[in-house]
Amino acid sequence: MSSRTTEPAIDPAAVTVVPANEASRADLRAVFGTADYAGRCNCQRFTVRGWLWTELTDEQRRDRLYQQTRCGEPGAGSTSGLVGYLDGEPVGWVAVQPRTAYPKLVTSRTVWRGRDEDKQDDTVWAVTCFVVRKGFRKRGLTYPLAAATVEYARGQGARALEGYPMRTEPGKEITWGELHVGSVQVFAEAGFREVSAPSLRRVVMRVDFP
């Protein structure tokens, strides 16, 4: 199926979002698929250090995702993201957990440019990746997923929640592989505010909880 769609936007109220440990492996596999960037990365880009990324096979990355989410373990005390459902079908994923869980993010020069902050503060959480299942893309699913991260992080005791979206330009096509971190508009509608713009396209956005 083409990434373009004429299907109507999905009503956010129709989307149910749950911690990924309450989802099954089959649900995660359905969302990530196997044929494009999502199915190869399996949300590991920010979780591994330099050389290790190139050494991992697709299957190893998928196994790491299952371990990190603790999928199929509803009683687990932690997980690494949330899964969205539409009419009982798994349709989306968003990665959200303490910022310190992402080694590549903590060492990123771009993310920290112009900021003086404790990089090891695990009370600050981060949203690093969105995945929408093929057949449901470009219908607005990232909006309810982003909104769900705010309440989830707050409920887990986070002091703040950050995102690192890309700034889009009107009329300019951006591939999903570039926009897996989300767009500025998606984060803004979820209540995030811009705290820095370390490059022409990268923006750091944040919600601070009382």
Protein backbone atom coordinates (compact mmCIF):
# COMPACT_ATOMS: atom_id res chain seq x y z
CA MET A 1 0.00 0.00 0.00
CA SER A 2 1.21 3.52 -0.77
CA SER A 3 2.15 5.80 2.13
CA ARG A 4 -0.44 8.23 0.76
CA THR A 5 -4.07 7.65 1.71
CA THR A 6 -7.48 9.06 1.01
CA GLU A 7 -8.90 7.53 4.18
CA PRO A 8 -10.43 10.02 6.63
CA ALA A 9 -8.62 11.17 9.76
CA ILE A 10 -9.12 8.93 12.77
CA ASP A 11 -11.06 10.33 15.71
CA PRO A 12 -8.61 10.42 18.65
CA ALA A 13 -11.46 9.43 20.97
CA ALA A 14 -11.70 6.11 19.11
CA VAL A 15 -8.09 5.22 19.93
CA THR A 16 -7.27 3.27 23.10
CA VAL A 17 -3.67 3.52 24.32
CA VAL A 18 -2.16 1.08 26.84
CA PRO A 19 1.30 0.40 28.29
CA ALA A 20 3.17 -1.97 25.97
CA ASN A 21 3.52 -4.67 28.63
CA GLU A 22 -0.25 -5.11 28.30
CA ALA A 23 0.15 -5.81 24.57
CA SER A 24 1.21 -9.12 23.06
CA ARG A 25 4.18 -9.90 20.86
CA ALA A 26 1.76 -10.41 17.99
CA ASP A 27 0.36 -6.90 18.54
CA LEU A 28 3.83 -5.34 18.43
CA ARG A 29 4.77 -7.37 15.35
CA ALA A 30 1.58 -6.18 13.62
CA VAL A 31 2.42 -2.52 14.32
CA PHE A 32 6.11 -2.67 13.40
CA GLY A 33 5.77 -5.07 10.48
CA THR A 34 8.88 -6.40 8.76
CA ALA A 35 9.14 -4.62 5.40
CA ASP A 36 10.26 -1.06 6.08
CA TYR A 37 12.31 1.08 8.48
CA ALA A 38 10.13 0.35 11.51
CA GLY A 39 10.43 -3.41 11.12
CA ARG A 40 14.22 -3.19 10.80
CA CYS A 41 14.84 -0.72 13.61
CA ASN A 42 12.31 -2.06 16.13
CA CYS A 43 12.79 1.15 18.11
CA GLN A 44 16.45 0.45 18.92
CA ARG A 45 18.11 3.50 17.35
CA PHE A 46 18.40 5.44 20.62
CA THR A 47 18.82 2.45 22.93
CA VAL A 48 22.18 1.16 21.70
CA ARG A 49 25.65 2.69 21.59
CA GLY A 50 27.49 3.41 18.33
CA TRP A 51 29.05 0.22 16.97
CA LEU A 52 26.48 -2.09 18.55
CA TRP A 53 23.78 -0.76 16.21
CA THR A 54 25.51 -2.13 13.12
CA GLU A 55 26.26 -5.45 14.79
CA LEU A 56 22.64 -6.29 15.63
CA THR A 57 20.46 -8.29 13.24
CA ASP A 58 16.81 -7.43 12.68
CA GLU A 59 15.83 -10.43 14.81
CA GLN A 60 18.08 -9.30 17.66
CA ARG A 61 16.59 -5.82 17.55
CA ARG A 62 13.10 -7.31 17.65
CA ASP A 63 14.05 -9.49 20.64
CA ARG A 64 15.42 -6.43 22.43
CA LEU A 65 12.13 -4.64 21.83
CA TYR A 66 10.19 -7.54 23.37
CA GLN A 67 12.49 -7.56 26.40
CA GLN A 68 12.30 -3.79 26.87
CA THR A 69 8.52 -3.63 26.59
CA ARG A 70 7.96 -6.77 28.67
CA CYS A 71 5.03 -7.38 26.36
CA GLY A 72 2.59 -10.02 27.52
CA GLU A 73 3.40 -9.23 31.16
CA PRO A 74 0.52 -7.02 32.36
CA GLY A 75 1.83 -7.13 35.91
CA ALA A 76 5.29 -5.83 34.96
CA GLY A 77 6.45 -2.79 36.88
CA SER A 78 7.89 -1.02 33.84
CA THR A 79 7.80 -0.93 30.05
CA SER A 80 9.36 1.12 27.27
CA GLY A 81 6.37 2.47 25.41
CA LEU A 82 2.66 2.55 24.67
CA VAL A 83 0.54 0.76 22.07
CA GLY A 84 -2.55 2.26 20.43
CA TYR A 85 -5.62 0.27 19.34
CA LEU A 86 -8.45 1.11 16.97
CA ASP A 87 -11.50 -1.14 17.16
CA GLY A 88 -9.37 -3.74 18.91
CA GLU A 89 -6.66 -3.70 16.24
CA PRO A 90 -3.10 -2.67 17.23
CA VAL A 91 -2.28 0.34 15.05
CA GLY A 92 0.43 2.44 16.70
CA TRP A 93 3.42 2.61 19.01
CA VAL A 94 5.20 5.39 20.87
CA ALA A 95 8.41 5.00 22.87
CA VAL A 96 8.38 6.75 26.26
CA GLN A 97 10.57 6.10 29.30
CA PRO A 98 13.23 7.85 31.41
CA ARG A 99 15.66 9.85 29.26
CA THR A 100 18.59 7.91 30.74
CA ALA A 101 17.28 4.75 29.02
CA TYR A 102 18.55 6.13 25.70
CA PRO A 103 22.38 6.14 25.59
CA LYS A 104 22.50 7.65 22.12
CA LEU A 105 20.18 10.44 23.18
CA VAL A 106 22.20 11.24 26.31
CA THR A 107 25.37 11.59 24.25
CA SER A 108 23.80 13.53 21.36
CA ARG A 109 25.54 16.86 20.75
CA THR A 110 22.55 18.16 18.82
CA VAL A 111 19.98 17.53 21.54
CA TRP A 112 22.11 19.22 24.22
CA ARG A 113 23.30 22.19 22.19
CA GLY A 114 22.64 25.38 24.17
CA ARG A 115 21.40 23.52 27.26
CA ASP A 116 23.07 23.11 30.64
CA GLU A 117 21.28 20.30 32.45
CA ASP A 118 22.02 17.06 34.30
CA LYS A 119 21.99 14.43 31.56
CA GLN A 120 21.68 11.65 34.15
CA ASP A 121 18.49 13.00 35.72
CA ASP A 122 16.16 10.01 35.44
CA THR A 123 13.12 12.02 36.54
CA VAL A 124 13.10 13.57 33.06
CA TRP A 125 11.43 11.25 30.57
CA ALA A 126 11.66 11.24 26.77
CA VAL A 127 9.50 10.43 23.76
CA THR A 128 11.78 9.17 21.01
CA CYS A 129 9.81 7.26 18.40
CA PHE A 130 6.39 6.85 16.80
CA VAL A 131 5.34 3.94 14.61
CA VAL A 132 2.01 3.75 12.81
CA ARG A 133 0.99 0.47 11.25
CA LYS A 134 0.91 0.30 7.47
CA GLY A 135 -2.60 0.98 6.20
CA PHE A 136 -3.29 3.48 9.00
CA ARG A 137 -0.60 6.08 8.29
CA LYS A 138 -1.26 9.78 7.53
CA ARG A 139 -4.56 9.67 9.42
CA GLY A 140 -3.54 11.50 12.58
CA LEU A 141 -2.71 8.58 14.87
CA THR A 142 0.41 10.20 16.27
CA TYR A 143 -1.74 12.87 17.96
CA PRO A 144 -3.49 10.56 20.47
CA LEU A 145 -0.25 8.64 20.96
CA ALA A 146 1.64 11.82 21.89
CA ALA A 147 -1.15 12.96 24.19
CA ALA A 148 -1.08 9.59 25.97
CA THR A 149 2.64 9.92 26.74
CA VAL A 150 1.97 13.00 28.86
CA GLU A 151 -0.47 11.32 31.21
CA TYR A 152 1.57 8.14 31.31
CA ALA A 153 4.84 9.87 32.23
CA ARG A 154 3.06 12.02 34.80
CA GLY A 155 1.49 8.93 36.33
CA GLN A 156 4.88 7.24 36.55
CA GLY A 157 6.29 10.12 38.59
CA ALA A 158 8.24 11.93 35.88
CA ARG A 159 9.26 15.51 36.65
CA ALA A 160 9.27 16.46 32.99
CA LEU A 161 8.78 14.91 29.56
CA GLU A 162 10.74 15.80 26.42
CA GLY A 163 10.37 15.19 22.70
CA TYR A 164 12.75 15.84 19.82
CA PRO A 165 10.56 16.42 16.77
CA MET A 166 11.37 17.63 13.28
CA ARG A 167 10.14 20.94 11.95
CA THR A 168 8.19 20.35 8.73
CA GLU A 169 7.91 22.76 5.81
CA PRO A 170 4.58 23.36 4.00
CA GLY A 171 4.50 21.50 0.71
CA LYS A 172 7.70 19.59 1.37
CA GLU A 173 7.43 15.81 1.54
CA ILE A 174 9.21 14.21 4.51
CA THR A 175 9.65 10.46 4.64
CA TRP A 176 8.41 8.43 7.59
CA GLY A 177 11.98 7.39 8.33
CA GLU A 178 12.84 11.04 9.01
CA LEU A 179 9.67 11.79 10.94
CA HIS A 180 9.65 8.81 13.29
CA VAL A 181 10.54 11.26 16.07
CA GLY A 182 7.29 13.15 15.47
CA SER A 183 6.48 16.62 14.18
CA VAL A 184 6.44 19.90 16.07
CA GLN A 185 2.68 20.23 15.56
CA VAL A 186 1.98 16.83 17.13
CA PHE A 187 3.93 17.73 20.28
CA ALA A 188 2.48 21.23 20.48
CA GLU A 189 -1.07 19.89 20.45
CA ALA A 190 -0.14 17.49 23.27
CA GLY A 191 0.93 20.46 25.42
CA PHE A 192 4.69 20.49 24.84
CA ARG A 193 6.50 23.82 24.48
CA GLU A 194 9.67 24.55 22.55
CA VAL A 195 12.75 24.89 24.76
CA SER A 196 15.47 24.95 22.11
CA ALA A 197 16.07 24.63 18.38
CA PRO A 198 19.54 23.10 18.07
CA SER A 199 19.39 22.90 14.26
CA LEU A 200 17.28 24.23 11.40
CA ARG A 201 14.90 21.27 11.58
CA ARG A 202 15.38 19.72 15.02
CA VAL A 203 13.39 21.11 17.95
CA VAL A 204 13.49 20.13 21.62
CA MET A 205 10.03 20.34 23.22
CA ARG A 206 9.06 19.72 26.81
CA VAL A 207 6.30 19.46 29.40
CA ASP A 208 7.23 20.22 33.03
CA PHE A 209 4.94 18.69 35.61
CA PRO A 210 4.04 20.51 38.85
